Amino acid sequence: MEREYNELILPISKLKIKVKKWITGGESLSLEEELMNEMKLTPVGKKYNLEPISGAFALKRQKKAVEIVVETLGDSKEKIYERLLDLRKTDFDFVVKEVSKVVDFTLPE
């Protein structure tokens, strides 16, 4: 199946971004792997307790999601997340919002 993209213009820098309209099952599993790597289970009798997950997890997952969903920033596919960090917060937040439309950032219950 051919990938579908949206092309959007960032509000402040006016750079063009190309974002995927959807992610594959494999890309979704790659994001979930971030969660699984952070989970720590402690055995208690025949059950397990889930220890609290670090707040840094959300930032790692956000970075991974941006890397998966954003195909280009300007005319380049290189170091997209790092380049986004150098833009104004308004542009960064715009991209994160667009990525969140494609990827669910909520933790599983």
PDB file of N, CA and C in Angstrom:
ATOM      1  N   MET A   1       0.839  -1.183   0.000  1.00  0.00           N
ATOM      2  CA  MET A   1       0.000   0.000   0.000  1.00  0.00           C
ATOM      3  C   MET A   1       0.883   1.246   0.000  1.00  0.00           C
ATOM      4  N   GLU A   2       0.523   2.181  -0.842  1.00  0.00           N
ATOM      5  CA  GLU A   2       1.285   3.413  -0.947  1.00  0.00           C
ATOM      6  C   GLU A   2       1.003   4.326   0.241  1.00  0.00           C
ATOM      7  N   ARG A   3       2.057   4.956   0.774  1.00  0.00           N
ATOM      8  CA  ARG A   3       1.895   5.853   1.911  1.00  0.00           C
ATOM      9  C   ARG A   3       1.205   7.139   1.476  1.00  0.00           C
ATOM     10  N   GLU A   4       0.408   7.678   2.397  1.00  0.00           N
ATOM     11  CA  GLU A   4      -0.261   8.957   2.166  1.00  0.00           C
ATOM     12  C   GLU A   4       0.329   9.976   3.130  1.00  0.00           C
ATOM     13  N   TYR A   5       0.468  11.215   2.659  1.00  0.00           N
ATOM     14  CA  TYR A   5       1.090  12.271   3.444  1.00  0.00           C
ATOM     15  C   TYR A   5       0.247  13.538   3.410  1.00  0.00           C
ATOM     16  N   ASN A   6       0.425  14.341   4.440  1.00  0.00           N
ATOM     17  CA  ASN A   6      -0.086  15.708   4.455  1.00  0.00           C
ATOM     18  C   ASN A   6       1.118  16.631   4.401  1.00  0.00           C
ATOM     19  N   GLU A   7       1.021  17.696   3.623  1.00  0.00           N
ATOM     20  CA  GLU A   7       2.053  18.725   3.622  1.00  0.00           C
ATOM     21  C   GLU A   7       1.482  19.940   4.326  1.00  0.00           C
ATOM     22  N   LEU A   8       2.207  20.402   5.335  1.00  0.00           N
ATOM     23  CA  LEU A   8       1.747  21.506   6.180  1.00  0.00           C
ATOM     24  C   LEU A   8       2.830  22.568   6.264  1.00  0.00           C
ATOM     25  N   ILE A   9       2.421  23.773   6.579  1.00  0.00           N
ATOM     26  CA  ILE A   9       3.347  24.896   6.744  1.00  0.00           C
ATOM     27  C   ILE A   9       3.385  25.277   8.224  1.00  0.00           C
ATOM     28  N   LEU A  10       4.585  25.340   8.784  1.00  0.00           N
ATOM     29  CA  LEU A  10       4.728  25.725  10.189  1.00  0.00           C
ATOM     30  C   LEU A  10       4.345  27.192  10.352  1.00  0.00           C
ATOM     31  N   PRO A  11       3.672  27.528  11.454  1.00  0.00           N
ATOM     32  CA  PRO A  11       3.106  28.878  11.600  1.00  0.00           C
ATOM     33  C   PRO A  11       4.120  30.014  11.691  1.00  0.00           C
ATOM     34  N   ILE A  12       5.277  29.804  12.293  1.00  0.00           N
ATOM     35  CA  ILE A  12       6.235  30.898  12.484  1.00  0.00           C
ATOM     36  C   ILE A  12       7.329  30.876  11.420  1.00  0.00           C
ATOM     37  N   SER A  13       8.028  29.751  11.302  1.00  0.00           N
ATOM     38  CA  SER A  13       9.165  29.671  10.370  1.00  0.00           C
ATOM     39  C   SER A  13       8.731  29.540   8.921  1.00  0.00           C
ATOM     40  N   LYS A  14       7.471  29.141   8.711  1.00  0.00           N
ATOM     41  CA  LYS A  14       6.910  28.911   7.373  1.00  0.00           C
ATOM     42  C   LYS A  14       7.598  27.756   6.634  1.00  0.00           C
ATOM     43  N   LEU A  15       8.339  26.914   7.378  1.00  0.00           N
ATOM     44  CA  LEU A  15       8.917  25.719   6.764  1.00  0.00           C
ATOM     45  C   LEU A  15       7.802  24.739   6.433  1.00  0.00           C
ATOM     46  N   LYS A  16       8.007  23.977   5.371  1.00  0.00           N
ATOM     47  CA  LYS A  16       7.035  22.960   4.990  1.00  0.00           C
ATOM     48  C   LYS A  16       7.434  21.648   5.654  1.00  0.00           C
ATOM     49  N   ILE A  17       6.441  20.941   6.201  1.00  0.00           N
ATOM     50  CA  ILE A  17       6.680  19.603   6.717  1.00  0.00           C
ATOM     51  C   ILE A  17       5.782  18.628   5.976  1.00  0.00           C
ATOM     52  N   LYS A  18       6.275  17.416   5.866  1.00  0.00           N
ATOM     53  CA  LYS A  18       5.518  16.341   5.243  1.00  0.00           C
ATOM     54  C   LYS A  18       5.334  15.276   6.319  1.00  0.00           C
ATOM     55  N   VAL A  19       4.056  15.000   6.663  1.00  0.00           N
ATOM     56  CA  VAL A  19       3.760  14.036   7.724  1.00  0.00           C
ATOM     57  C   VAL A  19       2.895  12.903   7.185  1.00  0.00           C
ATOM     58  N   LYS A  20       3.143  11.719   7.722  1.00  0.00           N
ATOM     59  CA  LYS A  20       2.351  10.556   7.329  1.00  0.00           C
ATOM     60  C   LYS A  20       0.919  10.732   7.826  1.00  0.00           C
ATOM     61  N   LYS A  21      -0.045  10.238   7.053  1.00  0.00           N
ATOM     62  CA  LYS A  21      -1.450  10.289   7.475  1.00  0.00           C
ATOM     63  C   LYS A  21      -1.781   9.146   8.422  1.00  0.00           C
ATOM     64  N   TRP A  22      -0.974   8.090   8.399  1.00  0.00           N
ATOM     65  CA  TRP A  22      -1.205   6.934   9.253  1.00  0.00           C
ATOM     66  C   TRP A  22       0.120   6.210   9.465  1.00  0.00           C
ATOM     67  N   ILE A  23       0.161   5.377  10.504  1.00  0.00           N
ATOM     68  CA  ILE A  23       1.354   4.580  10.755  1.00  0.00           C
ATOM     69  C   ILE A  23       1.013   3.101  10.589  1.00  0.00           C
ATOM     70  N   THR A  24       2.031   2.316  10.343  1.00  0.00           N
ATOM     71  CA  THR A  24       1.847   0.875  10.174  1.00  0.00           C
ATOM     72  C   THR A  24       1.812   0.185  11.539  1.00  0.00           C
ATOM     73  N   GLY A  25       1.417  -1.067  11.521  1.00  0.00           N
ATOM     74  CA  GLY A  25       1.452  -1.855  12.749  1.00  0.00           C
ATOM     75  C   GLY A  25       2.861  -1.950  13.309  1.00  0.00           C
ATOM     76  N   GLY A  26       3.841  -2.111  12.429  1.00  0.00           N
ATOM     77  CA  GLY A  26       5.237  -2.177  12.864  1.00  0.00           C
ATOM     78  C   GLY A  26       5.708  -0.884  13.511  1.00  0.00           C
ATOM     79  N   GLU A  27       5.298   0.244  12.947  1.00  0.00           N
ATOM     80  CA  GLU A  27       5.660   1.542  13.536  1.00  0.00           C
ATOM     81  C   GLU A  27       4.994   1.710  14.898  1.00  0.00           C
ATOM     82  N   SER A  28       3.763   1.264  15.015  1.00  0.00           N
ATOM     83  CA  SER A  28       3.058   1.326  16.295  1.00  0.00           C
ATOM     84  C   SER A  28       3.763   0.463  17.341  1.00  0.00           C
ATOM     85  N   LEU A  29       4.184  -0.739  16.942  1.00  0.00           N
ATOM     86  CA  LEU A  29       4.909  -1.616  17.865  1.00  0.00           C
ATOM     87  C   LEU A  29       6.239  -0.999  18.292  1.00  0.00           C
ATOM     88  N   SER A  30       6.876  -0.290  17.379  1.00  0.00           N
ATOM     89  CA  SER A  30       8.128   0.388  17.702  1.00  0.00           C
ATOM     90  C   SER A  30       7.909   1.425  18.811  1.00  0.00           C
ATOM     91  N   LEU A  31       6.788   2.123  18.756  1.00  0.00           N
ATOM     92  CA  LEU A  31       6.452   3.081  19.818  1.00  0.00           C
ATOM     93  C   LEU A  31       6.147   2.359  21.127  1.00  0.00           C
ATOM     94  N   GLU A  32       5.432   1.252  21.045  1.00  0.00           N
ATOM     95  CA  GLU A  32       5.092   0.500  22.248  1.00  0.00           C
ATOM     96  C   GLU A  32       6.337  -0.110  22.886  1.00  0.00           C
ATOM     97  N   GLU A  33       7.342  -0.400  22.067  1.00  0.00           N
ATOM     98  CA  GLU A  33       8.600  -0.924  22.591  1.00  0.00           C
ATOM     99  C   GLU A  33       9.214   0.059  23.581  1.00  0.00           C
ATOM    100  N   GLU A  34       9.061   1.352  23.316  1.00  0.00           N
ATOM    101  CA  GLU A  34       9.545   2.369  24.254  1.00  0.00           C
ATOM    102  C   GLU A  34       8.900   2.178  25.628  1.00  0.00           C
ATOM    103  N   LEU A  35       7.600   1.911  25.629  1.00  0.00           N
ATOM    104  CA  LEU A  35       6.890   1.684  26.889  1.00  0.00           C
ATOM    105  C   LEU A  35       7.393   0.421  27.565  1.00  0.00           C
ATOM    106  N   MET A  36       7.507  -0.655  26.815  1.00  0.00           N
ATOM    107  CA  MET A  36       7.938  -1.924  27.382  1.00  0.00           C
ATOM    108  C   MET A  36       9.338  -1.826  27.980  1.00  0.00           C
ATOM    109  N   ASN A  37      10.211  -1.044  27.347  1.00  0.00           N
ATOM    110  CA  ASN A  37      11.564  -0.864  27.872  1.00  0.00           C
ATOM    111  C   ASN A  37      11.575  -0.102  29.191  1.00  0.00           C
ATOM    112  N   GLU A  38      10.576   0.720  29.421  1.00  0.00           N
ATOM    113  CA  GLU A  38      10.502   1.516  30.643  1.00  0.00           C
ATOM    114  C   GLU A  38       9.796   0.792  31.795  1.00  0.00           C
ATOM    115  N   MET A  39       8.974  -0.193  31.461  1.00  0.00           N
ATOM    116  CA  MET A  39       8.192  -0.876  32.497  1.00  0.00           C
ATOM    117  C   MET A  39       9.095  -1.749  33.364  1.00  0.00           C
ATOM    118  N   LYS A  40       8.866  -1.681  34.664  1.00  0.00           N
ATOM    119  CA  LYS A  40       9.584  -2.523  35.603  1.00  0.00           C
ATOM    120  C   LYS A  40       8.554  -3.246  36.465  1.00  0.00           C
ATOM    121  N   LEU A  41       8.606  -4.553  36.404  1.00  0.00           N
ATOM    122  CA  LEU A  41       7.686  -5.380  37.181  1.00  0.00           C
ATOM    123  C   LEU A  41       8.434  -6.001  38.343  1.00  0.00           C
ATOM    124  N   THR A  42       7.838  -5.906  39.534  1.00  0.00           N
ATOM    125  CA  THR A  42       8.419  -6.487  40.731  1.00  0.00           C
ATOM    126  C   THR A  42       7.534  -7.638  41.183  1.00  0.00           C
ATOM    127  N   PRO A  43       8.103  -8.856  41.315  1.00  0.00           N
ATOM    128  CA  PRO A  43       7.285  -9.987  41.757  1.00  0.00           C
ATOM    129  C   PRO A  43       6.843  -9.820  43.210  1.00  0.00           C
ATOM    130  N   VAL A  44       5.559 -10.051  43.438  1.00  0.00           N
ATOM    131  CA  VAL A  44       4.979 -10.029  44.779  1.00  0.00           C
ATOM    132  C   VAL A  44       4.115 -11.276  44.879  1.00  0.00           C
ATOM    133  N   GLY A  45       4.664 -12.331  45.495  1.00  0.00           N
ATOM    134  CA  GLY A  45       3.944 -13.603  45.534  1.00  0.00           C
ATOM    135  C   GLY A  45       3.787 -14.140  44.121  1.00  0.00           C
ATOM    136  N   LYS A  46       2.537 -14.418  43.728  1.00  0.00           N
ATOM    137  CA  LYS A  46       2.259 -14.936  42.391  1.00  0.00           C
ATOM    138  C   LYS A  46       1.861 -13.827  41.415  1.00  0.00           C
ATOM    139  N   LYS A  47       1.929 -12.575  41.880  1.00  0.00           N
ATOM    140  CA  LYS A  47       1.562 -11.434  41.043  1.00  0.00           C
ATOM    141  C   LYS A  47       2.773 -10.524  40.866  1.00  0.00           C
ATOM    142  N   TYR A  48       2.572  -9.478  40.079  1.00  0.00           N
ATOM    143  CA  TYR A  48       3.623  -8.491  39.840  1.00  0.00           C
ATOM    144  C   TYR A  48       3.074  -7.095  40.097  1.00  0.00           C
ATOM    145  N   ASN A  49       3.912  -6.252  40.676  1.00  0.00           N
ATOM    146  CA  ASN A  49       3.596  -4.837  40.823  1.00  0.00           C
ATOM    147  C   ASN A  49       4.304  -4.069  39.717  1.00  0.00           C
ATOM    148  N   LEU A  50       3.587  -3.141  39.119  1.00  0.00           N
ATOM    149  CA  LEU A  50       4.175  -2.274  38.107  1.00  0.00           C
ATOM    150  C   LEU A  50       4.697  -1.034  38.808  1.00  0.00           C
ATOM    151  N   GLU A  51       6.012  -0.824  38.699  1.00  0.00           N
ATOM    152  CA  GLU A  51       6.614   0.353  39.325  1.00  0.00           C
ATOM    153  C   GLU A  51       6.309   1.589  38.484  1.00  0.00           C
ATOM    154  N   PRO A  52       6.284   2.772  39.100  1.00  0.00           N
ATOM    155  CA  PRO A  52       6.009   4.003  38.349  1.00  0.00           C
ATOM    156  C   PRO A  52       6.983   4.180  37.180  1.00  0.00           C
ATOM    157  N   ILE A  53       6.459   4.717  36.102  1.00  0.00           N
ATOM    158  CA  ILE A  53       7.267   4.953  34.901  1.00  0.00           C
ATOM    159  C   ILE A  53       7.814   6.373  34.961  1.00  0.00           C
ATOM    160  N   SER A  54       9.057   6.508  34.587  1.00  0.00           N
ATOM    161  CA  SER A  54       9.734   7.800  34.592  1.00  0.00           C
ATOM    162  C   SER A  54       9.040   8.785  33.652  1.00  0.00           C
ATOM    163  N   GLY A  55       9.032  10.042  34.041  1.00  0.00           N
ATOM    164  CA  GLY A  55       8.471  11.086  33.180  1.00  0.00           C
ATOM    165  C   GLY A  55       9.255  11.242  31.887  1.00  0.00           C
ATOM    166  N   ALA A  56      10.523  10.844  31.909  1.00  0.00           N
ATOM    167  CA  ALA A  56      11.354  10.924  30.708  1.00  0.00           C
ATOM    168  C   ALA A  56      10.816  10.018  29.605  1.00  0.00           C
ATOM    169  N   PHE A  57      10.049   9.012  29.991  1.00  0.00           N
ATOM    170  CA  PHE A  57       9.461   8.108  29.007  1.00  0.00           C
ATOM    171  C   PHE A  57       8.622   8.875  27.986  1.00  0.00           C
ATOM    172  N   ALA A  58       7.822   9.817  28.462  1.00  0.00           N
ATOM    173  CA  ALA A  58       6.943  10.579  27.557  1.00  0.00           C
ATOM    174  C   ALA A  58       7.764  11.342  26.522  1.00  0.00           C
ATOM    175  N   LEU A  59       8.896  11.888  26.934  1.00  0.00           N
ATOM    176  CA  LEU A  59       9.748  12.620  25.995  1.00  0.00           C
ATOM    177  C   LEU A  59      10.405  11.686  24.989  1.00  0.00           C
ATOM    178  N   LYS A  60      10.832  10.503  25.436  1.00  0.00           N
ATOM    179  CA  LYS A  60      11.421   9.518  24.521  1.00  0.00           C
ATOM    180  C   LYS A  60      10.391   9.078  23.487  1.00  0.00           C
ATOM    181  N   ARG A  61       9.173   8.838  23.959  1.00  0.00           N
ATOM    182  CA  ARG A  61       8.121   8.383  23.054  1.00  0.00           C
ATOM    183  C   ARG A  61       7.731   9.491  22.077  1.00  0.00           C
ATOM    184  N   GLN A  62       7.700  10.725  22.557  1.00  0.00           N
ATOM    185  CA  GLN A  62       7.392  11.851  21.677  1.00  0.00           C
ATOM    186  C   GLN A  62       8.443  11.967  20.575  1.00  0.00           C
ATOM    187  N   LYS A  63       9.708  11.863  20.939  1.00  0.00           N
ATOM    188  CA  LYS A  63      10.785  11.940  19.946  1.00  0.00           C
ATOM    189  C   LYS A  63      10.634  10.821  18.921  1.00  0.00           C
ATOM    190  N   LYS A  64      10.400   9.609  19.387  1.00  0.00           N
ATOM    191  CA  LYS A  64      10.247   8.460  18.491  1.00  0.00           C
ATOM    192  C   LYS A  64       9.063   8.672  17.551  1.00  0.00           C
ATOM    193  N   ALA A  65       7.947   9.180  18.082  1.00  0.00           N
ATOM    194  CA  ALA A  65       6.757   9.416  17.267  1.00  0.00           C
ATOM    195  C   ALA A  65       7.036  10.458  16.179  1.00  0.00           C
ATOM    196  N   VAL A  66       7.719  11.529  16.531  1.00  0.00           N
ATOM    197  CA  VAL A  66       8.070  12.556  15.540  1.00  0.00           C
ATOM    198  C   VAL A  66       8.965  11.951  14.466  1.00  0.00           C
ATOM    199  N   GLU A  67       9.940  11.142  14.886  1.00  0.00           N
ATOM    200  CA  GLU A  67      10.847  10.518  13.921  1.00  0.00           C
ATOM    201  C   GLU A  67      10.104   9.580  12.970  1.00  0.00           C
ATOM    202  N   ILE A  68       9.057   8.930  13.456  1.00  0.00           N
ATOM    203  CA  ILE A  68       8.284   8.012  12.619  1.00  0.00           C
ATOM    204  C   ILE A  68       7.334   8.767  11.689  1.00  0.00           C
ATOM    205  N   VAL A  69       6.639   9.763  12.199  1.00  0.00           N
ATOM    206  CA  VAL A  69       5.549  10.408  11.464  1.00  0.00           C
ATOM    207  C   VAL A  69       6.020  11.523  10.529  1.00  0.00           C
ATOM    208  N   VAL A  70       6.994  12.314  10.940  1.00  0.00           N
ATOM    209  CA  VAL A  70       7.437  13.441  10.116  1.00  0.00           C
ATOM    210  C   VAL A  70       8.449  12.941   9.095  1.00  0.00           C
ATOM    211  N   GLU A  71       8.083  13.017   7.846  1.00  0.00           N
ATOM    212  CA  GLU A  71       8.929  12.529   6.751  1.00  0.00           C
ATOM    213  C   GLU A  71       9.997  13.548   6.371  1.00  0.00           C
ATOM    214  N   THR A  72       9.608  14.816   6.283  1.00  0.00           N
ATOM    215  CA  THR A  72      10.577  15.865   5.945  1.00  0.00           C
ATOM    216  C   THR A  72      10.277  17.140   6.735  1.00  0.00           C
ATOM    217  N   LEU A  73      11.327  17.889   6.977  1.00  0.00           N
ATOM    218  CA  LEU A  73      11.237  19.232   7.558  1.00  0.00           C
ATOM    219  C   LEU A  73      12.003  20.128   6.602  1.00  0.00           C
ATOM    220  N   GLY A  74      11.289  21.050   5.975  1.00  0.00           N
ATOM    221  CA  GLY A  74      11.901  21.805   4.884  1.00  0.00           C
ATOM    222  C   GLY A  74      12.127  20.831   3.739  1.00  0.00           C
ATOM    223  N   ASP A  75      13.313  20.823   3.200  1.00  0.00           N
ATOM    224  CA  ASP A  75      13.641  19.917   2.093  1.00  0.00           C
ATOM    225  C   ASP A  75      14.480  18.730   2.547  1.00  0.00           C
ATOM    226  N   SER A  76      14.604  18.522   3.853  1.00  0.00           N
ATOM    227  CA  SER A  76      15.519  17.508   4.357  1.00  0.00           C
ATOM    228  C   SER A  76      14.821  16.444   5.201  1.00  0.00           C
ATOM    229  N   LYS A  77      15.358  15.230   5.119  1.00  0.00           N
ATOM    230  CA  LYS A  77      14.906  14.125   5.957  1.00  0.00           C
ATOM    231  C   LYS A  77      15.884  13.887   7.111  1.00  0.00           C
ATOM    232  N   GLU A  78      16.926  14.684   7.211  1.00  0.00           N
ATOM    233  CA  GLU A  78      17.996  14.492   8.180  1.00  0.00           C
ATOM    234  C   GLU A  78      17.698  15.161   9.519  1.00  0.00           C
ATOM    235  N   LYS A  79      17.961  14.447  10.610  1.00  0.00           N
ATOM    236  CA  LYS A  79      17.901  14.971  11.983  1.00  0.00           C
ATOM    237  C   LYS A  79      16.677  15.846  12.224  1.00  0.00           C
ATOM    238  N   ILE A  80      15.524  15.334  11.864  1.00  0.00           N
ATOM    239  CA  ILE A  80      14.290  16.126  11.946  1.00  0.00           C
ATOM    240  C   ILE A  80      14.008  16.578  13.373  1.00  0.00           C
ATOM    241  N   TYR A  81      14.052  15.656  14.325  1.00  0.00           N
ATOM    242  CA  TYR A  81      13.706  16.026  15.705  1.00  0.00           C
ATOM    243  C   TYR A  81      14.671  17.070  16.254  1.00  0.00           C
ATOM    244  N   GLU A  82      15.952  16.862  16.022  1.00  0.00           N
ATOM    245  CA  GLU A  82      16.957  17.808  16.523  1.00  0.00           C
ATOM    246  C   GLU A  82      16.760  19.192  15.901  1.00  0.00           C
ATOM    247  N   ARG A  83      16.418  19.226  14.626  1.00  0.00           N
ATOM    248  CA  ARG A  83      16.177  20.507  13.961  1.00  0.00           C
ATOM    249  C   ARG A  83      14.906  21.169  14.473  1.00  0.00           C
ATOM    250  N   LEU A  84      13.899  20.358  14.791  1.00  0.00           N
ATOM    251  CA  LEU A  84      12.666  20.922  15.368  1.00  0.00           C
ATOM    252  C   LEU A  84      12.941  21.604  16.702  1.00  0.00           C
ATOM    253  N   LEU A  85      13.854  21.027  17.480  1.00  0.00           N
ATOM    254  CA  LEU A  85      14.185  21.611  18.780  1.00  0.00           C
ATOM    255  C   LEU A  85      14.800  22.997  18.652  1.00  0.00           C
ATOM    256  N   ASP A  86      15.386  23.281  17.501  1.00  0.00           N
ATOM    257  CA  ASP A  86      15.988  24.597  17.274  1.00  0.00           C
ATOM    258  C   ASP A  86      14.975  25.638  16.807  1.00  0.00           C
ATOM    259  N   LEU A  87      13.765  25.197  16.458  1.00  0.00           N
ATOM    260  CA  LEU A  87      12.722  26.132  16.015  1.00  0.00           C
ATOM    261  C   LEU A  87      12.001  26.733  17.211  1.00  0.00           C
ATOM    262  N   ARG A  88      11.226  27.753  16.955  1.00  0.00           N
ATOM    263  CA  ARG A  88      10.443  28.366  18.034  1.00  0.00           C
ATOM    264  C   ARG A  88       9.430  27.373  18.565  1.00  0.00           C
ATOM    265  N   LYS A  89       9.096  27.527  19.839  1.00  0.00           N
ATOM    266  CA  LYS A  89       8.196  26.609  20.524  1.00  0.00           C
ATOM    267  C   LYS A  89       6.857  26.485  19.808  1.00  0.00           C
ATOM    268  N   THR A  90       6.366  27.548  19.249  1.00  0.00           N
ATOM    269  CA  THR A  90       5.092  27.515  18.521  1.00  0.00           C
ATOM    270  C   THR A  90       5.147  26.511  17.368  1.00  0.00           C
ATOM    271  N   ASP A  91       6.235  26.525  16.614  1.00  0.00           N
ATOM    272  CA  ASP A  91       6.402  25.572  15.520  1.00  0.00           C
ATOM    273  C   ASP A  91       6.539  24.148  16.050  1.00  0.00           C
ATOM    274  N   PHE A  92       7.349  23.985  17.105  1.00  0.00           N
ATOM    275  CA  PHE A  92       7.537  22.658  17.699  1.00  0.00           C
ATOM    276  C   PHE A  92       6.205  22.095  18.180  1.00  0.00           C
ATOM    277  N   ASP A  93       5.446  22.898  18.908  1.00  0.00           N
ATOM    278  CA  ASP A  93       4.145  22.455  19.425  1.00  0.00           C
ATOM    279  C   ASP A  93       3.179  22.109  18.290  1.00  0.00           C
ATOM    280  N   PHE A  94       3.232  22.862  17.211  1.00  0.00           N
ATOM    281  CA  PHE A  94       2.394  22.584  16.041  1.00  0.00           C
ATOM    282  C   PHE A  94       2.694  21.187  15.497  1.00  0.00           C
ATOM    283  N   VAL A  95       3.977  20.868  15.377  1.00  0.00           N
ATOM    284  CA  VAL A  95       4.375  19.552  14.859  1.00  0.00           C
ATOM    285  C   VAL A  95       3.929  18.450  15.807  1.00  0.00           C
ATOM    286  N   VAL A  96       4.149  18.627  17.100  1.00  0.00           N
ATOM    287  CA  VAL A  96       3.750  17.612  18.083  1.00  0.00           C
ATOM    288  C   VAL A  96       2.238  17.380  18.019  1.00  0.00           C
ATOM    289  N   LYS A  97       1.479  18.439  17.852  1.00  0.00           N
ATOM    290  CA  LYS A  97       0.025  18.304  17.741  1.00  0.00           C
ATOM    291  C   LYS A  97      -0.357  17.510  16.492  1.00  0.00           C
ATOM    292  N   GLU A  98       0.295  17.790  15.377  1.00  0.00           N
ATOM    293  CA  GLU A  98       0.010  17.051  14.145  1.00  0.00           C
ATOM    294  C   GLU A  98       0.390  15.580  14.284  1.00  0.00           C
ATOM    295  N   VAL A  99       1.522  15.319  14.927  1.00  0.00           N
ATOM    296  CA  VAL A  99       1.965  13.938  15.152  1.00  0.00           C
ATOM    297  C   VAL A  99       0.966  13.211  16.048  1.00  0.00           C
ATOM    298  N   SER A 100       0.464  13.904  17.061  1.00  0.00           N
ATOM    299  CA  SER A 100      -0.484  13.261  17.990  1.00  0.00           C
ATOM    300  C   SER A 100      -1.809  12.913  17.319  1.00  0.00           C
ATOM    301  N   LYS A 101      -2.119  13.555  16.197  1.00  0.00           N
ATOM    302  CA  LYS A 101      -3.323  13.193  15.447  1.00  0.00           C
ATOM    303  C   LYS A 101      -3.160  11.822  14.790  1.00  0.00           C
ATOM    304  N   VAL A 102      -1.913  11.444  14.546  1.00  0.00           N
ATOM    305  CA  VAL A 102      -1.613  10.179  13.887  1.00  0.00           C
ATOM    306  C   VAL A 102      -1.295   9.085  14.915  1.00  0.00           C
ATOM    307  N   VAL A 103      -0.647   9.484  16.010  1.00  0.00           N
ATOM    308  CA  VAL A 103      -0.171   8.546  17.024  1.00  0.00           C
ATOM    309  C   VAL A 103      -0.850   8.867  18.352  1.00  0.00           C
ATOM    310  N   ASP A 104      -1.334   7.858  19.033  1.00  0.00           N
ATOM    311  CA  ASP A 104      -1.963   8.052  20.339  1.00  0.00           C
ATOM    312  C   ASP A 104      -0.878   8.125  21.406  1.00  0.00           C
ATOM    313  N   PHE A 105      -0.754   9.281  22.067  1.00  0.00           N
ATOM    314  CA  PHE A 105       0.277   9.462  23.100  1.00  0.00           C
ATOM    315  C   PHE A 105      -0.151   8.986  24.482  1.00  0.00           C
ATOM    316  N   THR A 106      -1.346   8.456  24.625  1.00  0.00           N
ATOM    317  CA  THR A 106      -1.796   8.058  25.957  1.00  0.00           C
ATOM    318  C   THR A 106      -1.217   6.700  26.349  1.00  0.00           C
ATOM    319  N   LEU A 107      -0.999   6.510  27.623  1.00  0.00           N
ATOM    320  CA  LEU A 107      -0.520   5.230  28.125  1.00  0.00           C
ATOM    321  C   LEU A 107      -1.661   4.242  28.172  1.00  0.00           C
ATOM    322  N   PRO A 108      -1.381   2.966  27.886  1.00  0.00           N
ATOM    323  CA  PRO A 108      -2.443   1.960  27.987  1.00  0.00           C
ATOM    324  C   PRO A 108      -2.897   1.815  29.433  1.00  0.00           C
ATOM    325  N   GLU A 109      -4.169   1.484  29.610  1.00  0.00           N
ATOM    326  CA  GLU A 109      -4.690   1.301  30.977  1.00  0.00           C
ATOM    327  C   GLU A 109      -4.404  -0.074  31.480  1.00  0.00           C
TER     328      GLU A 109
END
